[in-house]
Amino acid sequence: MAKLSMTVNIRKVPKNPDLFEFTITTPLLRSQFRLPRAIVNNLRIAIERVLVSK
């Protein structure tokens, strides 16, 4: 499998504590999007399930 260079940054949006900004950067693409706290929590739960599953 080829190694992929990727950077993921997450920050709270100023003046709105229930909104998070995600920036994903690769050598060929940069994507930026905002997600509400409820979606971020669902994403966290989904990632944890995959990480602890056998």
Protein backbone atom coordinates (compact mmCIF):
# COMPACT_ATOMS: atom_id res chain seq x y z
CA MET A 1 0.00 0.00 0.00
CA ALA A 2 1.33 3.44 -0.92
CA LYS A 3 1.99 5.96 1.81
CA LEU A 4 -0.27 9.00 1.66
CA SER A 5 0.79 12.37 3.02
CA MET A 6 -2.21 13.98 4.70
CA THR A 7 -2.76 16.64 7.33
CA VAL A 8 -6.00 16.98 9.28
CA ASN A 9 -6.67 20.06 11.39
CA ILE A 10 -9.70 20.63 13.61
CA ARG A 11 -10.63 23.83 15.41
CA LYS A 12 -13.64 25.41 17.07
CA VAL A 13 -15.20 28.21 15.09
CA PRO A 14 -14.77 31.51 16.94
CA LYS A 15 -17.98 32.88 18.46
CA ASN A 16 -19.80 29.56 17.90
CA PRO A 17 -18.78 26.78 20.33
CA ASP A 18 -21.07 24.23 18.63
CA LEU A 19 -19.38 24.44 15.21
CA PHE A 20 -16.06 22.85 14.26
CA GLU A 21 -13.93 23.53 11.19
CA PHE A 22 -12.05 20.64 9.60
CA THR A 23 -9.25 21.16 7.09
CA ILE A 24 -7.80 18.16 5.24
CA THR A 25 -4.70 18.80 3.16
CA THR A 26 -2.88 16.47 0.75
CA PRO A 27 -0.23 17.37 -1.83
CA LEU A 28 -2.95 17.62 -4.52
CA LEU A 29 -6.06 18.69 -2.64
CA ARG A 30 -7.22 20.91 0.22
CA SER A 31 -10.72 20.52 1.59
CA GLN A 32 -12.31 22.62 4.30
CA PHE A 33 -15.71 22.13 5.89
CA ARG A 34 -17.67 22.93 9.05
CA LEU A 35 -19.65 20.45 11.13
CA PRO A 36 -21.98 20.95 14.10
CA ARG A 37 -21.09 19.38 17.46
CA ALA A 38 -23.69 16.58 17.09
CA ILE A 39 -22.13 15.37 13.82
CA VAL A 40 -18.61 15.57 15.29
CA ASN A 41 -19.76 13.40 18.22
CA ASN A 42 -21.28 10.85 15.81
CA LEU A 43 -18.05 10.81 13.80
CA ARG A 44 -16.00 10.27 16.98
CA ILE A 45 -18.21 7.33 18.00
CA ALA A 46 -17.94 5.75 14.53
CA ILE A 47 -14.14 6.07 14.55
CA GLU A 48 -13.90 4.53 18.03
CA ARG A 49 -16.09 1.57 16.96
CA VAL A 50 -13.81 0.84 14.01
CA LEU A 51 -10.65 1.17 16.10
CA VAL A 52 -11.79 -1.24 18.83
CA SER A 53 -13.49 -3.81 16.58
CA LYS A 54 -11.72 -7.07 15.79
